[in-house]
Amino acid sequence: MNEALGKLLGSYMTENIPLMTSIAIRLGLAQHRLARYYVSELRVHEGGIILLSRHGEKMNKAYRWNEIRRVWFERFETAKDGKGEFSFRIDIIAPNLDVIFSMSQNGCTPDTKDYQLMSQIYERWHKATWRHYDVVAAIIHVVKPGEPNVLSNDTRFLCMQKDQTRHHYTSFHWEFPGGKVEDGESEEDALVRELEEEMDYEVTIDRHFITVNHDYPDFSLTLSCYLCTGKDEQFTRREHRDHRWLTPEEMKSLEWCEADAEVIEKLNQL
């Protein structure tokens, strides 16, 4: 297995799943644990997978890559004597969190048929569903009329908490307000539009602050952040779970989306 794939697989370790998501997946797994005993063969092609049923052709199931919520692949080195043996576990999960196929194998090597097939499924699903997004974010502080627009370690900025998302590694995490840049849209226009849609809030965009490129397990993004000023702290929270006005030092106590870590670090250098 190449180094890149091994790195990707490391992102899918079960202990990183939040409790509620873990419970949902385990319930789905319990409900469908016997499903694999009714599958005579699993076939993979460029467009997806086909589960051939032991109960006849009418019971066969076909799934396109974009119809699969996740391919959860875990790989553990188990040999103690340097033989290069591994244990692996794969769950192919439908959009409703049901496990449509589950397989585990102990003491195998990377050249075994099952191991290669399951690795191929993971690689093809990941390649077909991978997306890149250009995202803008506003680092907002309030400047009242007559006050100088000066930043310091004591400046309080607006921090927003995300609600439940489809990804456990961003659910309920903190971020700066903003969103995706649409085709043909400038970053500044996208930022104004997103703040209006999400918060009904107007700001003055002062200057570009930092751009961060980050790869998550299921997608990558380019995050462009702009320092902005608002007239007051009043807005309508339409999409987020919570918000706080915090200094850069206080921000360290929150659980942020990983892409924002570099932004927090730079803010603490003000």
Protein backbone atom coordinates (compact mmCIF):
# COMPACT_ATOMS: atom_id res chain seq x y z
CA MET A 1 0.00 0.00 0.00
CA ASN A 2 1.43 3.38 -0.92
CA GLU A 3 2.14 6.09 1.65
CA ALA A 4 -0.62 8.45 0.45
CA LEU A 5 -3.33 5.81 0.79
CA GLY A 6 -2.01 4.80 4.18
CA LYS A 7 -2.24 8.42 5.32
CA LEU A 8 -5.83 8.66 4.11
CA LEU A 9 -6.81 5.44 5.84
CA GLY A 10 -5.45 6.81 9.07
CA SER A 11 -8.11 9.52 8.99
CA TYR A 12 -10.86 6.96 9.29
CA MET A 13 -10.00 5.41 12.65
CA THR A 14 -13.14 4.62 14.60
CA GLU A 15 -12.06 6.35 17.78
CA ASN A 16 -12.40 9.71 16.01
CA ILE A 17 -16.16 9.31 15.51
CA PRO A 18 -18.25 11.36 17.97
CA LEU A 19 -20.45 9.35 20.29
CA MET A 20 -23.81 9.94 18.60
CA THR A 21 -22.46 9.22 15.11
CA SER A 22 -20.76 6.11 16.44
CA ILE A 23 -24.03 4.92 17.99
CA ALA A 24 -25.90 5.56 14.74
CA ILE A 25 -23.36 3.60 12.72
CA ARG A 26 -23.24 0.75 15.21
CA LEU A 27 -27.03 0.50 15.24
CA GLY A 28 -27.01 0.38 11.47
CA LEU A 29 -24.30 -2.26 11.57
CA ALA A 30 -26.22 -4.36 14.05
CA GLN A 31 -29.32 -4.16 11.88
CA HIS A 32 -27.47 -5.21 8.76
CA ARG A 33 -24.73 -7.41 10.18
CA LEU A 34 -26.22 -10.53 8.55
CA ALA A 35 -26.42 -8.84 5.15
CA ARG A 36 -22.97 -10.02 4.12
CA TYR A 37 -24.03 -13.64 4.60
CA TYR A 38 -26.59 -13.10 1.85
CA VAL A 39 -24.06 -11.60 -0.53
CA SER A 40 -22.47 -14.17 -2.80
CA GLU A 41 -20.09 -11.71 -4.42
CA LEU A 42 -19.13 -8.04 -4.37
CA ARG A 43 -18.09 -6.57 -7.70
CA VAL A 44 -16.44 -3.20 -8.23
CA HIS A 45 -16.36 -1.13 -11.42
CA GLU A 46 -15.52 2.48 -12.30
CA GLY A 47 -19.03 3.69 -11.52
CA GLY A 48 -19.64 1.92 -8.21
CA ILE A 49 -20.26 -1.47 -6.63
CA ILE A 50 -22.71 -4.34 -7.14
CA LEU A 51 -23.76 -6.71 -4.37
CA LEU A 52 -24.79 -10.06 -5.85
CA SER A 53 -27.34 -11.77 -3.64
CA ARG A 54 -27.53 -15.48 -2.86
CA HIS A 55 -31.30 -15.18 -3.16
CA GLY A 56 -31.41 -14.46 -6.85
CA GLU A 57 -30.84 -11.66 -9.30
CA LYS A 58 -33.87 -9.66 -8.13
CA MET A 59 -32.18 -9.17 -4.77
CA ASN A 60 -28.96 -7.76 -6.23
CA LYS A 61 -28.06 -4.24 -5.17
CA ALA A 62 -26.10 -1.65 -7.16
CA TYR A 63 -24.69 1.57 -5.71
CA ARG A 64 -22.95 4.39 -7.53
CA TRP A 65 -20.02 6.01 -5.75
CA ASN A 66 -21.94 9.23 -5.10
CA GLU A 67 -24.78 7.20 -3.52
CA ILE A 68 -22.45 5.86 -0.83
CA ARG A 69 -22.14 8.00 2.31
CA ARG A 70 -18.78 6.64 3.37
CA VAL A 71 -16.34 3.80 2.91
CA TRP A 72 -14.90 3.31 6.38
CA PHE A 73 -11.61 1.47 6.04
CA GLU A 74 -9.48 0.58 9.07
CA ARG A 75 -6.09 -1.11 8.85
CA PHE A 76 -3.98 -2.34 11.76
CA GLU A 77 -0.56 -3.96 11.73
CA THR A 78 -0.90 -7.10 13.82
CA ALA A 79 2.26 -9.13 13.23
CA LYS A 80 4.79 -9.08 16.05
CA ASP A 81 7.54 -10.91 14.17
CA GLY A 82 7.98 -8.60 11.18
CA LYS A 83 5.93 -10.71 8.77
CA GLY A 84 3.89 -7.71 7.65
CA GLU A 85 0.49 -9.09 8.58
CA PHE A 86 -2.52 -6.84 8.98
CA SER A 87 -6.08 -6.83 10.18
CA PHE A 88 -8.56 -4.72 8.27
CA ARG A 89 -12.18 -3.79 8.57
CA ILE A 90 -14.36 -2.12 5.96
CA ASP A 91 -17.91 -0.77 6.29
CA ILE A 92 -19.68 0.58 3.22
CA ILE A 93 -22.27 2.99 4.55
CA ALA A 94 -25.41 4.23 2.79
CA PRO A 95 -26.69 7.84 3.10
CA ASN A 96 -29.02 6.86 5.98
CA LEU A 97 -26.03 5.44 7.94
CA ASP A 98 -27.05 1.82 7.31
CA VAL A 99 -24.06 -0.44 6.68
CA ILE A 100 -24.79 -2.08 3.34
CA PHE A 101 -21.65 -4.21 3.42
CA SER A 102 -19.24 -5.06 6.21
CA MET A 103 -16.13 -7.21 6.14
CA SER A 104 -13.24 -7.85 8.52
CA GLN A 105 -10.20 -10.06 8.15
CA ASN A 106 -7.35 -10.83 10.54
CA GLY A 107 -3.79 -11.88 9.85
CA CYS A 108 -3.84 -11.09 6.15
CA THR A 109 -1.19 -9.51 3.93
CA PRO A 110 -1.61 -6.66 1.41
CA ASP A 111 -1.31 -9.07 -1.51
CA THR A 112 -4.44 -11.08 -0.59
CA LYS A 113 -7.42 -10.85 -2.92
CA ASP A 114 -9.86 -9.50 -0.34
CA TYR A 115 -7.43 -6.88 0.92
CA GLN A 116 -6.70 -5.60 -2.59
CA LEU A 117 -10.39 -5.50 -3.51
CA MET A 118 -11.36 -3.56 -0.39
CA SER A 119 -8.48 -1.12 -0.89
CA GLN A 120 -9.60 -0.63 -4.48
CA ILE A 121 -13.16 0.13 -3.35
CA TYR A 122 -11.89 2.70 -0.88
CA GLU A 123 -9.60 4.38 -3.43
CA ARG A 124 -12.26 4.59 -6.14
CA TRP A 125 -14.94 5.88 -3.79
CA HIS A 126 -12.58 8.51 -2.43
CA LYS A 127 -11.49 9.63 -5.91
CA ALA A 128 -15.07 9.83 -7.21
CA THR A 129 -16.43 11.80 -4.25
CA TRP A 130 -13.49 14.12 -3.56
CA ARG A 131 -14.32 17.81 -3.95
CA HIS A 132 -12.41 21.09 -3.63
CA TYR A 133 -14.10 24.28 -2.44
CA ASP A 134 -13.07 27.93 -2.46
CA VAL A 135 -14.33 29.44 0.78
CA VAL A 136 -14.27 32.94 2.26
CA ALA A 137 -14.52 33.88 5.92
CA ALA A 138 -14.97 37.18 7.79
CA ILE A 139 -12.90 37.91 10.88
CA ILE A 140 -15.22 40.52 12.34
CA HIS A 141 -14.65 43.00 15.13
CA VAL A 142 -16.83 45.94 16.07
CA VAL A 143 -15.67 49.54 15.76
CA LYS A 144 -18.04 52.12 17.20
CA PRO A 145 -18.36 55.58 15.61
CA GLY A 146 -15.47 57.82 16.59
CA GLU A 147 -13.25 54.97 17.77
CA PRO A 148 -9.97 54.11 15.98
CA ASN A 149 -9.90 50.89 13.97
CA VAL A 150 -6.91 49.36 15.76
CA LEU A 151 -6.38 45.65 16.41
CA SER A 152 -4.73 44.21 19.51
CA ASN A 153 -4.66 41.11 21.68
CA ASP A 154 -7.71 42.47 23.48
CA THR A 155 -9.83 42.84 20.33
CA ARG A 156 -12.89 40.60 20.36
CA PHE A 157 -13.81 38.79 17.13
CA LEU A 158 -16.99 36.96 16.15
CA CYS A 159 -16.75 33.16 16.43
CA MET A 160 -19.54 30.90 15.15
CA GLN A 161 -20.35 27.32 16.15
CA LYS A 162 -21.51 25.00 13.39
CA ASP A 163 -24.54 22.78 13.85
CA GLN A 164 -24.59 19.06 13.03
CA THR A 165 -23.03 18.45 9.61
CA ARG A 166 -22.56 15.35 7.48
CA HIS A 167 -18.93 15.17 8.65
CA HIS A 168 -18.09 14.30 12.24
CA TYR A 169 -14.87 16.32 12.10
CA THR A 170 -16.74 19.61 11.52
CA SER A 171 -19.99 18.97 13.43
CA PHE A 172 -20.41 21.40 16.35
CA HIS A 173 -16.93 22.83 15.69
CA TRP A 174 -16.20 26.56 15.60
CA GLU A 175 -15.43 28.68 12.56
CA PHE A 176 -15.51 32.24 11.28
CA PRO A 177 -18.66 33.24 9.36
CA GLY A 178 -18.62 32.96 5.58
CA GLY A 179 -19.17 30.32 2.91
CA LYS A 180 -18.44 29.05 -0.58
CA VAL A 181 -17.49 31.27 -3.49
CA GLU A 182 -19.87 30.72 -6.41
CA ASP A 183 -18.71 30.54 -10.05
CA GLY A 184 -18.01 33.99 -11.46
CA GLU A 185 -18.15 35.61 -8.03
CA SER A 186 -15.34 37.59 -6.41
CA GLU A 187 -14.28 36.69 -2.88
CA GLU A 188 -15.47 40.03 -1.55
CA ASP A 189 -18.89 39.68 -3.21
CA ALA A 190 -19.20 36.13 -1.87
CA LEU A 191 -18.40 37.31 1.64
CA VAL A 192 -21.02 40.08 1.53
CA ARG A 193 -23.63 37.65 0.17
CA GLU A 194 -22.90 34.93 2.73
CA LEU A 195 -23.08 37.32 5.69
CA GLU A 196 -26.39 38.65 4.42
CA GLU A 197 -27.83 35.15 3.93
CA GLU A 198 -26.54 33.61 7.17
CA MET A 199 -26.75 36.57 9.54
CA ASP A 200 -28.47 39.57 7.93
CA TYR A 201 -25.31 41.47 8.83
CA GLU A 202 -23.39 44.22 7.02
CA VAL A 203 -19.67 44.76 7.44
CA THR A 204 -16.89 46.83 5.96
CA ILE A 205 -14.20 44.63 4.44
CA ASP A 206 -10.89 46.11 5.55
CA ARG A 207 -8.23 43.85 4.06
CA HIS A 208 -7.18 40.31 3.27
CA PHE A 209 -5.72 38.60 6.33
CA ILE A 210 -4.67 35.04 5.45
CA THR A 211 -5.33 32.22 2.96
CA VAL A 212 -5.22 28.61 4.18
CA ASN A 213 -5.23 25.42 2.10
CA HIS A 214 -6.42 22.36 3.98
CA ASP A 215 -7.30 18.74 3.18
CA TYR A 216 -10.09 17.11 5.17
CA PRO A 217 -10.79 13.36 4.86
CA ASP A 218 -13.60 13.92 2.32
CA PHE A 219 -12.77 17.22 0.65
CA SER A 220 -10.22 20.03 0.42
CA LEU A 221 -10.65 23.77 0.60
CA THR A 222 -8.91 27.07 0.07
CA LEU A 223 -9.98 29.38 2.88
CA SER A 224 -9.50 33.11 2.28
CA CYS A 225 -10.02 35.22 5.40
CA TYR A 226 -10.70 38.96 5.49
CA LEU A 227 -10.56 41.36 8.42
CA CYS A 228 -13.91 43.15 8.65
CA THR A 229 -15.52 45.75 10.88
CA GLY A 230 -19.10 45.91 12.02
CA LYS A 231 -21.04 48.74 13.66
CA ASP A 232 -22.44 46.62 16.51
CA GLU A 233 -22.72 43.03 17.75
CA GLN A 234 -26.38 42.55 16.79
CA PHE A 235 -27.28 40.11 14.02
CA THR A 236 -29.68 37.28 13.22
CA ARG A 237 -28.17 33.81 13.66
CA ARG A 238 -29.87 31.76 10.94
CA GLU A 239 -27.64 28.73 10.38
CA HIS A 240 -25.22 28.40 13.28
CA ARG A 241 -25.77 26.77 16.65
CA ASP A 242 -24.07 29.40 18.81
CA HIS A 243 -21.74 32.40 18.66
CA ARG A 244 -19.29 34.25 20.89
CA TRP A 245 -17.23 37.43 20.74
CA LEU A 246 -13.75 36.38 21.90
CA THR A 247 -10.17 37.58 22.00
CA PRO A 248 -7.57 35.51 20.11
CA GLU A 249 -6.36 34.02 23.41
CA GLU A 250 -9.89 33.03 24.43
CA MET A 251 -10.41 31.34 21.08
CA LYS A 252 -7.90 28.66 22.05
CA SER A 253 -10.42 27.12 24.46
CA LEU A 254 -12.84 26.22 21.63
CA GLU A 255 -12.81 23.18 19.35
CA TRP A 256 -12.25 24.71 15.92
CA CYS A 257 -12.48 23.27 12.43
CA GLU A 258 -8.97 22.20 11.48
CA ALA A 259 -8.67 24.70 8.62
CA ASP A 260 -9.07 27.56 11.10
CA ALA A 261 -6.11 26.55 13.30
CA GLU A 262 -3.61 28.61 11.27
CA VAL A 263 -5.96 31.60 11.38
CA ILE A 264 -6.16 31.43 15.18
CA GLU A 265 -2.38 31.22 15.40
CA LYS A 266 -1.93 34.37 13.28
CA LEU A 267 -4.58 36.27 15.24
CA ASN A 268 -2.63 35.54 18.40
CA GLN A 269 0.35 37.33 16.86
CA LEU A 270 -1.48 40.67 16.70
